[in-house]
Amino acid sequence: METMEIYRGRLIDHIQLVVRDLPASRRFYTAVFEVLGIPLAGSGIDYFWADELFVSTADSEAAQGQLTGRHHLAFQARDRAMVDAFYHAALAAGGKDNGAPGERRYHPGYYGAFVIDPDGNNIEAVYHGEATFSAREIKITF
């Protein structure tokens, strides 16, 4: 990266993953989100969601009968310990190792871990190192 100033909360509104085995995905993401401090926001017979991620079956109305392809999603972690906890929780919940926690050469301070979810998506937790945030998060109320 050429810049060391990044913005969050401006590019992605939401992402939908359409999965083959919703119970396996629910177990995996529930475990991952628990250690990342992200609560499930809702669920139904053919879907669940948390924050900007919506996960559903191919039979759900929003999926239109199609599975999504392989994606790489990176979740923000507050520190290295959270990256480590993500990795272990993901493996315990059915994920497959795709890169143990450690520093990466992407930029100084980049500490990440990678796992493959039940549908083959490359899921990462990353801590970018000590930084100053203008806000920890934003809250939107409709």
N, C-alpha and C. Protein backbone atom coordinates (compact mmCIF):
# COMPACT_ATOMS: atom_id res chain seq x y z
N MET A 1 0.84 -1.17 0.00
CA MET A 1 0.00 0.00 0.00
C MET A 1 0.89 1.23 0.00
N GLU A 2 0.51 2.19 -0.78
CA GLU A 2 1.29 3.41 -0.85
C GLU A 2 0.91 4.40 0.23
N THR A 3 -0.30 4.32 0.73
CA THR A 3 -0.74 5.26 1.76
C THR A 3 -0.93 4.52 3.07
N MET A 4 -0.74 5.21 4.14
CA MET A 4 -0.97 4.62 5.45
C MET A 4 -2.21 5.24 6.10
N GLU A 5 -3.05 5.84 5.30
CA GLU A 5 -4.30 6.41 5.78
C GLU A 5 -5.43 5.70 5.03
N ILE A 6 -6.30 5.03 5.78
CA ILE A 6 -7.41 4.31 5.15
C ILE A 6 -8.71 4.72 5.81
N TYR A 7 -9.80 4.48 5.11
CA TYR A 7 -11.13 4.81 5.61
C TYR A 7 -11.96 3.55 5.69
N ARG A 8 -12.81 3.46 6.68
CA ARG A 8 -13.71 2.32 6.83
C ARG A 8 -15.14 2.85 6.83
N GLY A 9 -16.05 2.01 6.36
CA GLY A 9 -17.45 2.39 6.40
C GLY A 9 -17.89 3.22 5.21
N ARG A 10 -17.14 3.21 4.11
CA ARG A 10 -17.50 4.05 2.97
C ARG A 10 -17.73 3.27 1.69
N LEU A 11 -17.15 2.08 1.54
CA LEU A 11 -17.19 1.41 0.26
C LEU A 11 -18.28 0.34 0.17
N ILE A 12 -18.35 -0.53 1.13
CA ILE A 12 -19.26 -1.68 1.05
C ILE A 12 -20.50 -1.42 1.91
N ASP A 13 -21.66 -1.58 1.32
CA ASP A 13 -22.90 -1.50 2.09
C ASP A 13 -23.23 -2.86 2.68
N HIS A 14 -23.18 -3.91 1.85
CA HIS A 14 -23.36 -5.26 2.37
C HIS A 14 -22.84 -6.27 1.35
N ILE A 15 -22.59 -7.47 1.83
CA ILE A 15 -22.13 -8.58 1.01
C ILE A 15 -23.04 -9.76 1.31
N GLN A 16 -23.44 -10.49 0.28
CA GLN A 16 -24.24 -11.69 0.47
C GLN A 16 -23.44 -12.90 0.00
N LEU A 17 -23.34 -13.88 0.87
CA LEU A 17 -22.79 -15.18 0.50
C LEU A 17 -23.94 -16.16 0.42
N VAL A 18 -24.04 -16.87 -0.68
CA VAL A 18 -25.07 -17.90 -0.85
C VAL A 18 -24.35 -19.24 -0.70
N VAL A 19 -24.77 -20.02 0.30
CA VAL A 19 -24.02 -21.21 0.72
C VAL A 19 -24.80 -22.49 0.51
N ARG A 20 -24.07 -23.60 0.43
CA ARG A 20 -24.68 -24.93 0.26
C ARG A 20 -25.26 -25.46 1.56
N ASP A 21 -24.55 -25.24 2.67
CA ASP A 21 -24.91 -25.83 3.96
C ASP A 21 -25.05 -24.72 4.99
N LEU A 22 -26.25 -24.20 5.13
CA LEU A 22 -26.47 -23.07 6.04
C LEU A 22 -26.14 -23.40 7.49
N PRO A 23 -26.53 -24.56 8.03
CA PRO A 23 -26.15 -24.85 9.42
C PRO A 23 -24.63 -24.85 9.64
N ALA A 24 -23.86 -25.40 8.70
CA ALA A 24 -22.40 -25.38 8.83
C ALA A 24 -21.87 -23.95 8.79
N SER A 25 -22.41 -23.15 7.89
CA SER A 25 -21.98 -21.75 7.81
C SER A 25 -22.39 -20.98 9.05
N ARG A 26 -23.58 -21.24 9.57
CA ARG A 26 -24.03 -20.55 10.78
C ARG A 26 -23.11 -20.88 11.96
N ARG A 27 -22.72 -22.17 12.11
CA ARG A 27 -21.79 -22.56 13.18
C ARG A 27 -20.45 -21.84 13.01
N PHE A 28 -19.93 -21.84 11.80
CA PHE A 28 -18.64 -21.22 11.51
C PHE A 28 -18.68 -19.72 11.81
N TYR A 29 -19.62 -19.00 11.22
CA TYR A 29 -19.64 -17.55 11.38
C TYR A 29 -20.06 -17.12 12.78
N THR A 30 -20.92 -17.88 13.43
CA THR A 30 -21.28 -17.55 14.82
C THR A 30 -20.05 -17.61 15.71
N ALA A 31 -19.22 -18.64 15.54
CA ALA A 31 -18.00 -18.78 16.33
C ALA A 31 -17.02 -17.65 16.02
N VAL A 32 -16.84 -17.35 14.74
CA VAL A 32 -15.93 -16.29 14.32
C VAL A 32 -16.40 -14.93 14.85
N PHE A 33 -17.68 -14.64 14.67
CA PHE A 33 -18.20 -13.34 15.11
C PHE A 33 -18.16 -13.19 16.62
N GLU A 34 -18.33 -14.29 17.35
CA GLU A 34 -18.29 -14.19 18.80
C GLU A 34 -16.93 -13.66 19.27
N VAL A 35 -15.84 -14.19 18.72
CA VAL A 35 -14.52 -13.72 19.16
C VAL A 35 -14.18 -12.35 18.61
N LEU A 36 -14.82 -11.95 17.51
CA LEU A 36 -14.59 -10.62 16.95
C LEU A 36 -15.50 -9.56 17.56
N GLY A 37 -16.41 -9.99 18.45
CA GLY A 37 -17.30 -9.04 19.10
C GLY A 37 -18.40 -8.52 18.21
N ILE A 38 -18.84 -9.33 17.23
CA ILE A 38 -19.89 -8.93 16.29
C ILE A 38 -21.12 -9.80 16.54
N PRO A 39 -22.20 -9.23 17.02
CA PRO A 39 -23.39 -10.06 17.29
C PRO A 39 -24.14 -10.40 16.00
N LEU A 40 -24.77 -11.58 15.98
CA LEU A 40 -25.70 -11.87 14.89
C LEU A 40 -26.85 -10.89 15.01
N ALA A 41 -27.27 -10.34 13.90
CA ALA A 41 -28.32 -9.33 13.91
C ALA A 41 -29.69 -9.91 13.60
N GLY A 42 -29.72 -11.04 12.93
CA GLY A 42 -31.00 -11.65 12.59
C GLY A 42 -30.79 -12.98 11.89
N SER A 43 -31.87 -13.78 11.87
CA SER A 43 -31.79 -15.07 11.18
C SER A 43 -33.18 -15.57 10.88
N GLY A 44 -33.24 -16.48 9.95
CA GLY A 44 -34.47 -17.14 9.57
C GLY A 44 -34.15 -18.54 9.09
N ILE A 45 -35.12 -19.21 8.53
CA ILE A 45 -34.92 -20.58 8.06
C ILE A 45 -33.83 -20.65 6.99
N ASP A 46 -33.77 -19.67 6.11
CA ASP A 46 -32.84 -19.75 4.98
C ASP A 46 -31.80 -18.63 4.95
N TYR A 47 -31.54 -17.98 6.09
CA TYR A 47 -30.54 -16.90 6.11
C TYR A 47 -30.13 -16.57 7.54
N PHE A 48 -29.03 -15.85 7.67
CA PHE A 48 -28.66 -15.14 8.88
C PHE A 48 -27.80 -13.96 8.45
N TRP A 49 -27.67 -12.97 9.33
CA TRP A 49 -26.84 -11.82 8.98
C TRP A 49 -26.24 -11.19 10.22
N ALA A 50 -25.13 -10.51 9.98
CA ALA A 50 -24.42 -9.78 11.03
C ALA A 50 -23.74 -8.60 10.36
N ASP A 51 -24.00 -7.42 10.88
CA ASP A 51 -23.38 -6.21 10.35
C ASP A 51 -23.64 -6.14 8.85
N GLU A 52 -22.58 -6.09 8.03
CA GLU A 52 -22.76 -5.95 6.58
C GLU A 52 -22.76 -7.28 5.83
N LEU A 53 -22.70 -8.40 6.54
CA LEU A 53 -22.64 -9.71 5.89
C LEU A 53 -23.98 -10.43 6.01
N PHE A 54 -24.53 -10.82 4.86
CA PHE A 54 -25.78 -11.57 4.78
C PHE A 54 -25.46 -12.93 4.19
N VAL A 55 -25.84 -14.02 4.87
CA VAL A 55 -25.55 -15.37 4.41
C VAL A 55 -26.88 -16.10 4.24
N SER A 56 -27.07 -16.72 3.07
CA SER A 56 -28.34 -17.39 2.81
C SER A 56 -28.14 -18.67 2.00
N THR A 57 -29.23 -19.41 1.88
CA THR A 57 -29.25 -20.60 1.01
C THR A 57 -29.59 -20.15 -0.41
N ALA A 58 -29.37 -21.04 -1.35
CA ALA A 58 -29.73 -20.74 -2.74
C ALA A 58 -31.24 -20.61 -2.90
N ASP A 59 -32.01 -21.22 -1.98
CA ASP A 59 -33.47 -21.16 -2.04
C ASP A 59 -34.05 -19.86 -1.50
N SER A 60 -33.23 -19.04 -0.85
CA SER A 60 -33.75 -17.80 -0.29
C SER A 60 -34.18 -16.86 -1.42
N GLU A 61 -35.11 -16.00 -1.12
CA GLU A 61 -35.63 -15.07 -2.13
C GLU A 61 -34.52 -14.19 -2.72
N ALA A 62 -33.60 -13.74 -1.89
CA ALA A 62 -32.55 -12.83 -2.36
C ALA A 62 -31.52 -13.53 -3.24
N ALA A 63 -31.35 -14.85 -3.11
CA ALA A 63 -30.29 -15.57 -3.83
C ALA A 63 -30.65 -15.89 -5.27
N GLN A 64 -31.90 -15.98 -5.58
CA GLN A 64 -32.37 -16.30 -6.94
C GLN A 64 -31.80 -17.62 -7.44
N GLY A 65 -31.62 -18.59 -6.53
CA GLY A 65 -31.24 -19.94 -6.92
C GLY A 65 -29.78 -20.17 -7.24
N GLN A 66 -28.91 -19.20 -7.02
CA GLN A 66 -27.50 -19.32 -7.40
C GLN A 66 -26.58 -19.24 -6.19
N LEU A 67 -25.58 -20.14 -6.13
CA LEU A 67 -24.54 -20.04 -5.12
C LEU A 67 -23.56 -18.95 -5.53
N THR A 68 -22.96 -18.29 -4.58
CA THR A 68 -21.93 -17.32 -4.92
C THR A 68 -20.62 -18.06 -5.15
N GLY A 69 -19.70 -17.42 -5.81
CA GLY A 69 -18.38 -18.00 -6.06
C GLY A 69 -17.47 -17.82 -4.86
N ARG A 70 -16.21 -18.16 -5.03
CA ARG A 70 -15.24 -18.04 -3.95
C ARG A 70 -14.89 -16.56 -3.74
N HIS A 71 -14.90 -16.15 -2.47
CA HIS A 71 -14.60 -14.76 -2.11
C HIS A 71 -13.52 -14.71 -1.05
N HIS A 72 -12.89 -13.58 -0.95
CA HIS A 72 -11.98 -13.29 0.15
C HIS A 72 -12.61 -12.16 0.95
N LEU A 73 -12.88 -12.41 2.22
CA LEU A 73 -13.42 -11.39 3.12
C LEU A 73 -12.44 -11.22 4.28
N ALA A 74 -12.14 -9.98 4.62
CA ALA A 74 -11.25 -9.71 5.75
C ALA A 74 -12.02 -8.93 6.81
N PHE A 75 -12.06 -9.49 8.01
CA PHE A 75 -12.72 -8.85 9.13
C PHE A 75 -11.68 -8.12 9.98
N GLN A 76 -12.06 -6.95 10.48
CA GLN A 76 -11.16 -6.14 11.30
C GLN A 76 -11.09 -6.69 12.72
N ALA A 77 -9.88 -6.78 13.24
CA ALA A 77 -9.65 -7.20 14.62
C ALA A 77 -9.06 -6.02 15.39
N ARG A 78 -9.35 -5.96 16.69
CA ARG A 78 -8.87 -4.85 17.52
C ARG A 78 -7.41 -5.01 17.95
N ASP A 79 -6.91 -6.26 17.92
CA ASP A 79 -5.53 -6.50 18.33
C ASP A 79 -5.10 -7.88 17.85
N ARG A 80 -3.84 -8.20 18.09
CA ARG A 80 -3.30 -9.49 17.65
C ARG A 80 -4.00 -10.66 18.34
N ALA A 81 -4.32 -10.50 19.62
CA ALA A 81 -4.99 -11.57 20.36
C ALA A 81 -6.33 -11.91 19.72
N MET A 82 -7.03 -10.91 19.19
CA MET A 82 -8.31 -11.16 18.54
C MET A 82 -8.10 -11.93 17.22
N VAL A 83 -7.03 -11.63 16.51
CA VAL A 83 -6.71 -12.40 15.29
C VAL A 83 -6.45 -13.86 15.66
N ASP A 84 -5.67 -14.07 16.72
CA ASP A 84 -5.38 -15.43 17.17
C ASP A 84 -6.65 -16.17 17.57
N ALA A 85 -7.53 -15.48 18.32
CA ALA A 85 -8.79 -16.09 18.76
C ALA A 85 -9.68 -16.43 17.56
N PHE A 86 -9.74 -15.54 16.59
CA PHE A 86 -10.48 -15.79 15.35
C PHE A 86 -10.01 -17.08 14.69
N TYR A 87 -8.72 -17.21 14.53
CA TYR A 87 -8.14 -18.36 13.85
C TYR A 87 -8.52 -19.67 14.55
N HIS A 88 -8.35 -19.71 15.86
CA HIS A 88 -8.65 -20.93 16.61
C HIS A 88 -10.15 -21.23 16.63
N ALA A 89 -10.98 -20.20 16.77
CA ALA A 89 -12.43 -20.40 16.75
C ALA A 89 -12.89 -20.89 15.38
N ALA A 90 -12.34 -20.32 14.33
CA ALA A 90 -12.71 -20.72 12.97
C ALA A 90 -12.34 -22.17 12.71
N LEU A 91 -11.16 -22.59 13.11
CA LEU A 91 -10.76 -23.99 12.92
C LEU A 91 -11.64 -24.93 13.73
N ALA A 92 -11.95 -24.55 14.96
CA ALA A 92 -12.80 -25.39 15.82
C ALA A 92 -14.22 -25.50 15.28
N ALA A 93 -14.64 -24.51 14.49
CA ALA A 93 -16.01 -24.50 13.96
C ALA A 93 -16.07 -25.02 12.52
N GLY A 94 -15.04 -25.73 12.08
CA GLY A 94 -15.09 -26.36 10.77
C GLY A 94 -14.30 -25.69 9.68
N GLY A 95 -13.61 -24.59 9.98
CA GLY A 95 -12.77 -23.94 8.98
C GLY A 95 -11.49 -24.72 8.73
N LYS A 96 -10.86 -24.45 7.61
CA LYS A 96 -9.59 -25.09 7.26
C LYS A 96 -8.49 -24.02 7.22
N ASP A 97 -7.33 -24.38 7.75
CA ASP A 97 -6.20 -23.46 7.78
C ASP A 97 -5.84 -22.98 6.38
N ASN A 98 -5.64 -21.67 6.26
CA ASN A 98 -5.15 -21.08 5.01
C ASN A 98 -4.08 -20.04 5.30
N GLY A 99 -3.52 -20.08 6.51
CA GLY A 99 -2.49 -19.13 6.90
C GLY A 99 -2.59 -18.81 8.37
N ALA A 100 -1.75 -19.40 9.19
CA ALA A 100 -1.77 -19.19 10.64
C ALA A 100 -1.52 -17.72 10.97
N PRO A 101 -1.92 -17.29 12.17
CA PRO A 101 -1.70 -15.90 12.56
C PRO A 101 -0.22 -15.53 12.47
N GLY A 102 0.01 -14.34 11.95
CA GLY A 102 1.38 -13.86 11.86
C GLY A 102 1.45 -12.55 11.10
N GLU A 103 2.63 -11.96 11.15
CA GLU A 103 2.84 -10.71 10.41
C GLU A 103 2.92 -11.03 8.92
N ARG A 104 2.39 -10.13 8.14
CA ARG A 104 2.42 -10.24 6.68
C ARG A 104 3.19 -9.04 6.14
N ARG A 105 3.67 -9.16 4.93
CA ARG A 105 4.49 -8.10 4.33
C ARG A 105 3.65 -7.03 3.63
N TYR A 106 2.35 -7.01 3.82
CA TYR A 106 1.51 -6.04 3.12
C TYR A 106 1.85 -4.61 3.51
N HIS A 107 2.08 -4.38 4.80
CA HIS A 107 2.57 -3.10 5.32
C HIS A 107 3.04 -3.34 6.74
N PRO A 108 3.90 -2.48 7.28
CA PRO A 108 4.39 -2.67 8.65
C PRO A 108 3.23 -2.75 9.64
N GLY A 109 3.27 -3.75 10.52
CA GLY A 109 2.24 -3.91 11.53
C GLY A 109 1.07 -4.79 11.12
N TYR A 110 1.00 -5.23 9.85
CA TYR A 110 -0.11 -6.05 9.37
C TYR A 110 0.01 -7.44 9.97
N TYR A 111 -0.99 -7.82 10.77
CA TYR A 111 -1.01 -9.12 11.44
C TYR A 111 -2.33 -9.78 11.09
N GLY A 112 -2.28 -10.91 10.40
CA GLY A 112 -3.51 -11.54 9.94
C GLY A 112 -3.48 -13.05 10.05
N ALA A 113 -4.65 -13.64 9.90
CA ALA A 113 -4.81 -15.09 9.85
C ALA A 113 -5.89 -15.39 8.82
N PHE A 114 -5.75 -16.54 8.16
CA PHE A 114 -6.65 -16.92 7.08
C PHE A 114 -7.20 -18.32 7.29
N VAL A 115 -8.49 -18.48 7.05
CA VAL A 115 -9.14 -19.80 7.09
C VAL A 115 -10.09 -19.92 5.91
N ILE A 116 -10.34 -21.14 5.50
CA ILE A 116 -11.32 -21.41 4.45
C ILE A 116 -12.62 -21.81 5.14
N ASP A 117 -13.72 -21.12 4.82
CA ASP A 117 -15.01 -21.42 5.43
C ASP A 117 -15.62 -22.68 4.80
N PRO A 118 -16.78 -23.15 5.28
CA PRO A 118 -17.36 -24.38 4.74
C PRO A 118 -17.68 -24.35 3.25
N ASP A 119 -17.76 -23.17 2.64
CA ASP A 119 -18.05 -23.09 1.21
C ASP A 119 -16.84 -22.70 0.37
N GLY A 120 -15.66 -22.72 0.95
CA GLY A 120 -14.45 -22.44 0.19
C GLY A 120 -14.04 -20.99 0.13
N ASN A 121 -14.71 -20.11 0.88
CA ASN A 121 -14.32 -18.70 0.92
C ASN A 121 -13.10 -18.51 1.81
N ASN A 122 -12.20 -17.64 1.40
CA ASN A 122 -11.01 -17.32 2.17
C ASN A 122 -11.35 -16.20 3.14
N ILE A 123 -11.43 -16.53 4.42
CA ILE A 123 -11.86 -15.58 5.44
C ILE A 123 -10.65 -15.20 6.29
N GLU A 124 -10.47 -13.91 6.48
CA GLU A 124 -9.31 -13.38 7.18
C GLU A 124 -9.75 -12.51 8.34
N ALA A 125 -8.94 -12.50 9.39
CA ALA A 125 -9.04 -11.47 10.42
C ALA A 125 -7.72 -10.73 10.38
N VAL A 126 -7.77 -9.40 10.44
CA VAL A 126 -6.56 -8.59 10.32
C VAL A 126 -6.53 -7.49 11.37
N TYR A 127 -5.34 -7.30 11.91
CA TYR A 127 -5.05 -6.17 12.78
C TYR A 127 -3.95 -5.39 12.08
N HIS A 128 -4.19 -4.12 11.82
CA HIS A 128 -3.25 -3.31 11.04
C HIS A 128 -2.17 -2.66 11.90
N GLY A 129 -2.17 -2.92 13.19
CA GLY A 129 -1.17 -2.31 14.07
C GLY A 129 -1.74 -1.09 14.76
N GLU A 130 -0.93 -0.52 15.62
CA GLU A 130 -1.34 0.67 16.36
C GLU A 130 -1.72 1.78 15.38
N ALA A 131 -2.86 2.39 15.62
CA ALA A 131 -3.35 3.44 14.73
C ALA A 131 -4.28 4.37 15.50
N THR A 132 -4.51 5.53 14.95
CA THR A 132 -5.46 6.48 15.52
C THR A 132 -6.74 6.42 14.69
N PHE A 133 -7.85 6.21 15.36
CA PHE A 133 -9.15 6.13 14.69
C PHE A 133 -9.93 7.41 14.97
N SER A 134 -10.61 7.93 13.96
CA SER A 134 -11.46 9.09 14.18
C SER A 134 -12.71 8.68 14.97
N ALA A 135 -13.12 7.42 14.80
CA ALA A 135 -14.24 6.84 15.55
C ALA A 135 -14.07 5.33 15.52
N ARG A 136 -14.46 4.65 16.56
CA ARG A 136 -14.34 3.20 16.63
C ARG A 136 -15.34 2.54 15.68
N GLU A 137 -16.50 3.12 15.58
CA GLU A 137 -17.55 2.60 14.70
C GLU A 137 -18.57 3.70 14.51
N ILE A 138 -19.46 3.50 13.57
CA ILE A 138 -20.57 4.44 13.40
C ILE A 138 -21.86 3.68 13.64
N LYS A 139 -22.84 4.37 14.13
CA LYS A 139 -24.15 3.78 14.39
C LYS A 139 -25.15 4.47 13.49
N ILE A 140 -25.89 3.68 12.75
CA ILE A 140 -26.92 4.21 11.84
C ILE A 140 -28.26 3.70 12.35
N THR A 141 -29.19 4.58 12.56
CA THR A 141 -30.52 4.22 13.03
C THR A 141 -31.55 4.63 11.99
N PHE A 142 -32.40 3.71 11.58
CA PHE A 142 -33.45 4.01 10.60
C PHE A 142 -34.77 4.20 11.32
